[in-house]
Amino acid sequence: QVHLVESGGGYVQAGGSLRLSCACSGRTFSSYAMGWFRQAPGKEREFVAAISWSGENTDYADSLEGRFTIARDNANNMVYLQMNSLKPEDTAVYYCAASRGYSRDYYSYAHWGQGTQVTVST
């Protein structure tokens, strides 16, 4: 069983940065691809970034324009999302998720955290 806990969300002004963390329990963490998704009020959950089990491959939503970076530390069962140049439209609940396959597809992810709120003010 995989248990995910996000942290690092908060309130930030536009142009600022935040780093989200996701702590993963379970001895098989390094066998999972990991992803970050987000959901804004009244909108569907959307893909943000993914990283392969080894960390060699990463993928990002096109809309991010290179502002976010995903990374993982398999030795410590952690996944990170560095978010720079934040915009008000980045406001959402951010979720960490684990998948057996490296994918942008929401349905590929079987394990989810509870989410962490990110609010970007103007």
N, C-alpha and C. Protein backbone atom coordinates (compact mmCIF):
# COMPACT_ATOMS: atom_id res chain seq x y z
N GLN A 1 0.84 -1.19 0.00
CA GLN A 1 0.00 0.00 0.00
C GLN A 1 0.88 1.24 0.00
N VAL A 2 0.45 2.25 -0.73
CA VAL A 2 1.18 3.51 -0.85
C VAL A 2 0.36 4.61 -0.20
N HIS A 3 0.99 5.36 0.68
CA HIS A 3 0.33 6.48 1.35
C HIS A 3 1.12 7.74 1.05
N LEU A 4 0.41 8.77 0.56
CA LEU A 4 1.05 10.00 0.14
C LEU A 4 0.55 11.18 0.97
N VAL A 5 1.48 12.03 1.39
CA VAL A 5 1.12 13.21 2.16
C VAL A 5 1.83 14.43 1.58
N GLU A 6 1.04 15.39 1.11
CA GLU A 6 1.60 16.61 0.56
C GLU A 6 1.80 17.66 1.65
N SER A 7 2.73 18.57 1.39
CA SER A 7 2.94 19.71 2.26
C SER A 7 3.58 20.83 1.45
N GLY A 8 3.62 22.02 2.04
CA GLY A 8 4.30 23.13 1.39
C GLY A 8 3.41 24.14 0.72
N GLY A 9 2.12 23.86 0.70
CA GLY A 9 1.21 24.83 0.11
C GLY A 9 1.09 26.06 0.98
N GLY A 10 0.44 27.08 0.45
CA GLY A 10 0.26 28.29 1.22
C GLY A 10 -0.20 29.44 0.36
N TYR A 11 0.00 30.62 0.90
CA TYR A 11 -0.46 31.85 0.27
C TYR A 11 0.77 32.62 -0.20
N VAL A 12 0.77 33.03 -1.47
CA VAL A 12 1.93 33.72 -2.01
C VAL A 12 1.46 34.78 -3.00
N GLN A 13 2.21 35.83 -3.12
CA GLN A 13 1.88 36.87 -4.10
C GLN A 13 2.32 36.44 -5.50
N ALA A 14 1.66 36.98 -6.49
CA ALA A 14 2.02 36.70 -7.87
C ALA A 14 3.50 37.02 -8.10
N GLY A 15 4.17 36.12 -8.82
CA GLY A 15 5.59 36.27 -9.05
C GLY A 15 6.46 35.53 -8.06
N GLY A 16 5.84 35.08 -6.99
CA GLY A 16 6.56 34.37 -5.95
C GLY A 16 6.77 32.89 -6.27
N SER A 17 7.35 32.18 -5.30
CA SER A 17 7.67 30.76 -5.47
C SER A 17 7.20 29.96 -4.27
N LEU A 18 6.93 28.71 -4.52
CA LEU A 18 6.63 27.73 -3.48
C LEU A 18 7.24 26.40 -3.89
N ARG A 19 7.59 25.59 -2.90
CA ARG A 19 8.02 24.24 -3.19
C ARG A 19 7.10 23.28 -2.44
N LEU A 20 6.41 22.45 -3.20
CA LEU A 20 5.56 21.44 -2.62
C LEU A 20 6.37 20.16 -2.42
N SER A 21 6.05 19.47 -1.34
CA SER A 21 6.69 18.19 -1.04
C SER A 21 5.63 17.12 -0.92
N CYS A 22 6.02 15.90 -1.25
CA CYS A 22 5.12 14.76 -1.12
C CYS A 22 5.91 13.63 -0.50
N ALA A 23 5.51 13.24 0.70
CA ALA A 23 6.15 12.14 1.40
C ALA A 23 5.38 10.85 1.12
N CYS A 24 6.11 9.83 0.75
CA CYS A 24 5.47 8.57 0.36
C CYS A 24 5.90 7.44 1.27
N SER A 25 4.94 6.73 1.83
CA SER A 25 5.26 5.56 2.63
C SER A 25 5.20 4.33 1.74
N GLY A 26 5.89 3.30 2.15
CA GLY A 26 5.88 2.08 1.35
C GLY A 26 7.26 1.79 0.79
N ARG A 27 7.63 0.54 0.77
CA ARG A 27 8.96 0.14 0.36
C ARG A 27 9.14 0.10 -1.15
N THR A 28 8.05 0.26 -1.90
CA THR A 28 8.14 0.16 -3.35
C THR A 28 8.06 1.51 -4.04
N PHE A 29 8.35 2.57 -3.32
CA PHE A 29 8.24 3.92 -3.87
C PHE A 29 9.00 4.06 -5.17
N SER A 30 10.22 3.55 -5.23
CA SER A 30 11.07 3.74 -6.41
C SER A 30 10.55 3.02 -7.64
N SER A 31 9.55 2.18 -7.50
CA SER A 31 8.98 1.49 -8.65
C SER A 31 7.82 2.25 -9.27
N TYR A 32 7.42 3.36 -8.64
CA TYR A 32 6.28 4.13 -9.11
C TYR A 32 6.73 5.39 -9.87
N ALA A 33 6.03 5.67 -10.95
CA ALA A 33 6.09 7.01 -11.52
C ALA A 33 5.23 7.91 -10.63
N MET A 34 5.62 9.16 -10.54
CA MET A 34 4.91 10.08 -9.67
C MET A 34 4.41 11.28 -10.47
N GLY A 35 3.29 11.81 -10.02
CA GLY A 35 2.74 12.95 -10.73
C GLY A 35 2.18 13.99 -9.77
N TRP A 36 2.05 15.18 -10.28
CA TRP A 36 1.34 16.26 -9.58
C TRP A 36 0.17 16.68 -10.46
N PHE A 37 -0.96 16.84 -9.80
CA PHE A 37 -2.16 17.33 -10.46
C PHE A 37 -2.70 18.49 -9.62
N ARG A 38 -3.59 19.25 -10.20
CA ARG A 38 -4.21 20.34 -9.44
C ARG A 38 -5.67 20.49 -9.83
N GLN A 39 -6.42 21.05 -8.90
CA GLN A 39 -7.85 21.27 -9.14
C GLN A 39 -8.26 22.61 -8.56
N ALA A 40 -8.71 23.48 -9.44
CA ALA A 40 -9.20 24.79 -9.03
C ALA A 40 -10.71 24.69 -8.79
N PRO A 41 -11.26 25.60 -8.01
CA PRO A 41 -12.71 25.57 -7.74
C PRO A 41 -13.53 25.58 -9.02
N GLY A 42 -14.46 24.66 -9.12
CA GLY A 42 -15.33 24.60 -10.28
C GLY A 42 -14.71 24.03 -11.52
N LYS A 43 -13.49 23.53 -11.41
CA LYS A 43 -12.81 22.97 -12.58
C LYS A 43 -12.42 21.52 -12.33
N GLU A 44 -12.13 20.81 -13.41
CA GLU A 44 -11.70 19.44 -13.30
C GLU A 44 -10.24 19.37 -12.86
N ARG A 45 -9.90 18.25 -12.27
CA ARG A 45 -8.50 18.03 -11.89
C ARG A 45 -7.66 17.93 -13.16
N GLU A 46 -6.52 18.62 -13.17
CA GLU A 46 -5.69 18.65 -14.37
C GLU A 46 -4.25 18.25 -14.07
N PHE A 47 -3.63 17.70 -15.09
CA PHE A 47 -2.24 17.27 -15.00
C PHE A 47 -1.32 18.48 -14.88
N VAL A 48 -0.31 18.36 -14.02
CA VAL A 48 0.69 19.41 -13.88
C VAL A 48 2.06 18.90 -14.32
N ALA A 49 2.51 17.80 -13.71
CA ALA A 49 3.85 17.29 -14.02
C ALA A 49 3.93 15.81 -13.63
N ALA A 50 4.85 15.09 -14.28
CA ALA A 50 5.09 13.69 -13.96
C ALA A 50 6.58 13.41 -14.03
N ILE A 51 6.99 12.40 -13.28
CA ILE A 51 8.40 11.99 -13.28
C ILE A 51 8.45 10.47 -13.25
N SER A 52 9.33 9.90 -14.04
CA SER A 52 9.45 8.45 -14.10
C SER A 52 10.05 7.91 -12.82
N TRP A 53 10.02 6.57 -12.66
CA TRP A 53 10.48 5.97 -11.43
C TRP A 53 11.94 6.28 -11.14
N SER A 54 12.74 6.38 -12.19
CA SER A 54 14.17 6.65 -12.01
C SER A 54 14.48 8.14 -11.91
N GLY A 55 13.53 8.96 -12.31
CA GLY A 55 13.77 10.40 -12.33
C GLY A 55 14.38 10.90 -13.63
N GLU A 56 14.66 9.98 -14.56
CA GLU A 56 15.31 10.38 -15.81
C GLU A 56 14.37 11.10 -16.76
N ASN A 57 13.09 10.81 -16.66
CA ASN A 57 12.12 11.41 -17.56
C ASN A 57 11.12 12.27 -16.79
N THR A 58 10.86 13.44 -17.33
CA THR A 58 9.87 14.33 -16.75
C THR A 58 8.96 14.86 -17.85
N ASP A 59 7.77 15.26 -17.44
CA ASP A 59 6.78 15.76 -18.37
C ASP A 59 6.00 16.86 -17.67
N TYR A 60 5.62 17.88 -18.44
CA TYR A 60 4.92 19.02 -17.85
C TYR A 60 3.75 19.43 -18.72
N ALA A 61 2.74 19.98 -18.06
CA ALA A 61 1.64 20.56 -18.82
C ALA A 61 2.17 21.74 -19.64
N ASP A 62 1.71 21.84 -20.86
CA ASP A 62 2.19 22.89 -21.76
C ASP A 62 1.93 24.29 -21.21
N SER A 63 0.86 24.43 -20.47
CA SER A 63 0.46 25.75 -19.99
C SER A 63 1.41 26.33 -18.95
N LEU A 64 2.29 25.49 -18.39
CA LEU A 64 3.17 25.96 -17.33
C LEU A 64 4.31 26.84 -17.85
N GLU A 65 4.63 26.74 -19.11
CA GLU A 65 5.66 27.59 -19.73
C GLU A 65 6.99 27.52 -19.00
N GLY A 66 7.33 26.33 -18.49
CA GLY A 66 8.65 26.14 -17.89
C GLY A 66 8.81 26.70 -16.50
N ARG A 67 7.73 27.04 -15.84
CA ARG A 67 7.84 27.67 -14.52
C ARG A 67 7.96 26.66 -13.38
N PHE A 68 7.53 25.42 -13.61
CA PHE A 68 7.53 24.40 -12.56
C PHE A 68 8.58 23.34 -12.85
N THR A 69 9.11 22.73 -11.78
CA THR A 69 10.06 21.64 -11.91
C THR A 69 9.71 20.52 -10.94
N ILE A 70 9.62 19.31 -11.45
CA ILE A 70 9.35 18.15 -10.61
C ILE A 70 10.66 17.41 -10.38
N ALA A 71 10.82 16.88 -9.17
CA ALA A 71 12.02 16.11 -8.83
C ALA A 71 11.64 15.05 -7.81
N ARG A 72 12.50 14.05 -7.66
CA ARG A 72 12.23 13.00 -6.68
C ARG A 72 13.53 12.58 -6.00
N ASP A 73 13.39 12.08 -4.80
CA ASP A 73 14.49 11.55 -4.01
C ASP A 73 14.09 10.16 -3.57
N ASN A 74 14.53 9.17 -4.31
CA ASN A 74 14.11 7.79 -4.02
C ASN A 74 14.69 7.28 -2.72
N ALA A 75 15.81 7.82 -2.30
CA ALA A 75 16.41 7.37 -1.04
C ALA A 75 15.55 7.76 0.16
N ASN A 76 14.81 8.86 0.01
CA ASN A 76 13.99 9.35 1.12
C ASN A 76 12.50 9.34 0.82
N ASN A 77 12.11 8.68 -0.27
CA ASN A 77 10.69 8.54 -0.64
C ASN A 77 9.98 9.88 -0.73
N MET A 78 10.60 10.81 -1.44
CA MET A 78 10.03 12.15 -1.55
C MET A 78 9.91 12.57 -3.01
N VAL A 79 8.88 13.35 -3.28
CA VAL A 79 8.69 14.00 -4.57
C VAL A 79 8.47 15.49 -4.31
N TYR A 80 8.98 16.30 -5.21
CA TYR A 80 8.90 17.75 -5.02
C TYR A 80 8.33 18.42 -6.27
N LEU A 81 7.72 19.55 -6.06
CA LEU A 81 7.29 20.40 -7.17
C LEU A 81 7.72 21.82 -6.85
N GLN A 82 8.74 22.29 -7.54
CA GLN A 82 9.19 23.67 -7.39
C GLN A 82 8.39 24.54 -8.34
N MET A 83 7.73 25.55 -7.78
CA MET A 83 6.86 26.40 -8.58
C MET A 83 7.39 27.83 -8.51
N ASN A 84 7.76 28.37 -9.63
CA ASN A 84 8.30 29.73 -9.73
C ASN A 84 7.38 30.62 -10.56
N SER A 85 7.56 31.90 -10.41
CA SER A 85 6.78 32.89 -11.18
C SER A 85 5.29 32.58 -11.12
N LEU A 86 4.82 32.35 -9.93
CA LEU A 86 3.43 31.94 -9.75
C LEU A 86 2.46 33.02 -10.20
N LYS A 87 1.33 32.55 -10.74
CA LYS A 87 0.28 33.43 -11.23
C LYS A 87 -1.01 33.13 -10.49
N PRO A 88 -1.93 34.09 -10.45
CA PRO A 88 -3.22 33.82 -9.79
C PRO A 88 -3.94 32.60 -10.35
N GLU A 89 -3.76 32.32 -11.62
CA GLU A 89 -4.42 31.16 -12.21
C GLU A 89 -3.79 29.83 -11.78
N ASP A 90 -2.70 29.88 -11.04
CA ASP A 90 -2.12 28.67 -10.46
C ASP A 90 -2.81 28.29 -9.15
N THR A 91 -3.69 29.13 -8.67
CA THR A 91 -4.43 28.84 -7.45
C THR A 91 -5.26 27.58 -7.60
N ALA A 92 -5.02 26.63 -6.70
CA ALA A 92 -5.70 25.33 -6.78
C ALA A 92 -5.27 24.48 -5.59
N VAL A 93 -5.93 23.36 -5.44
CA VAL A 93 -5.45 22.31 -4.55
C VAL A 93 -4.53 21.42 -5.38
N TYR A 94 -3.34 21.18 -4.89
CA TYR A 94 -2.34 20.38 -5.60
C TYR A 94 -2.25 19.00 -4.97
N TYR A 95 -2.30 17.99 -5.84
CA TYR A 95 -2.29 16.61 -5.39
C TYR A 95 -1.07 15.87 -5.92
N CYS A 96 -0.50 15.06 -5.07
CA CYS A 96 0.56 14.14 -5.44
C CYS A 96 -0.08 12.79 -5.72
N ALA A 97 0.44 12.07 -6.71
CA ALA A 97 -0.15 10.79 -7.06
C ALA A 97 0.93 9.81 -7.54
N ALA A 98 0.65 8.53 -7.38
CA ALA A 98 1.59 7.48 -7.76
C ALA A 98 0.95 6.56 -8.78
N SER A 99 1.75 6.18 -9.76
CA SER A 99 1.27 5.32 -10.84
C SER A 99 2.30 4.27 -11.20
N ARG A 100 1.84 3.11 -11.64
CA ARG A 100 2.76 2.07 -12.12
C ARG A 100 3.31 2.43 -13.49
N GLY A 101 2.62 3.35 -14.16
CA GLY A 101 3.07 3.75 -15.49
C GLY A 101 3.29 5.25 -15.57
N TYR A 102 4.29 5.68 -16.28
CA TYR A 102 4.62 7.09 -16.46
C TYR A 102 3.60 7.69 -17.42
N SER A 103 2.78 8.63 -16.93
CA SER A 103 1.63 9.06 -17.72
C SER A 103 1.13 10.43 -17.30
N ARG A 104 0.43 11.08 -18.24
CA ARG A 104 -0.31 12.30 -17.92
C ARG A 104 -1.75 11.97 -17.55
N ASP A 105 -2.12 10.74 -17.75
CA ASP A 105 -3.51 10.35 -17.61
C ASP A 105 -3.92 10.19 -16.15
N TYR A 106 -4.88 10.94 -15.76
CA TYR A 106 -5.40 10.90 -14.38
C TYR A 106 -5.73 9.47 -13.96
N TYR A 107 -6.30 8.70 -14.88
CA TYR A 107 -6.78 7.36 -14.54
C TYR A 107 -5.64 6.34 -14.36
N SER A 108 -4.44 6.73 -14.72
CA SER A 108 -3.29 5.84 -14.51
C SER A 108 -2.81 5.85 -13.07
N TYR A 109 -3.25 6.83 -12.31
CA TYR A 109 -2.74 7.02 -10.96
C TYR A 109 -3.68 6.38 -9.95
N ALA A 110 -3.17 5.37 -9.25
CA ALA A 110 -4.00 4.60 -8.33
C ALA A 110 -3.95 5.13 -6.90
N HIS A 111 -2.92 5.90 -6.59
CA HIS A 111 -2.73 6.36 -5.21
C HIS A 111 -2.62 7.88 -5.20
N TRP A 112 -3.36 8.51 -4.26
CA TRP A 112 -3.44 9.97 -4.20
C TRP A 112 -3.26 10.46 -2.78
N GLY A 113 -2.65 11.63 -2.67
CA GLY A 113 -2.59 12.31 -1.39
C GLY A 113 -3.86 13.10 -1.15
N GLN A 114 -3.91 13.78 -0.02
CA GLN A 114 -5.11 14.53 0.36
C GLN A 114 -5.14 15.92 -0.25
N GLY A 115 -4.01 16.37 -0.79
CA GLY A 115 -3.94 17.67 -1.43
C GLY A 115 -3.43 18.76 -0.50
N THR A 116 -2.87 19.79 -1.11
CA THR A 116 -2.41 20.97 -0.37
C THR A 116 -2.81 22.21 -1.15
N GLN A 117 -3.34 23.19 -0.44
CA GLN A 117 -3.88 24.38 -1.10
C GLN A 117 -2.77 25.37 -1.44
N VAL A 118 -2.80 25.85 -2.65
CA VAL A 118 -1.90 26.93 -3.10
C VAL A 118 -2.78 28.09 -3.53
N THR A 119 -2.55 29.25 -2.94
CA THR A 119 -3.31 30.45 -3.29
C THR A 119 -2.34 31.54 -3.71
N VAL A 120 -2.53 32.06 -4.91
CA VAL A 120 -1.66 33.10 -5.45
C VAL A 120 -2.48 34.37 -5.60
N SER A 121 -2.06 35.41 -4.91
CA SER A 121 -2.80 36.68 -4.96
C SER A 121 -2.20 37.61 -6.01
N THR A 122 -3.02 38.57 -6.43
CA THR A 122 -2.56 39.55 -7.43
C THR A 122 -1.74 40.65 -6.76
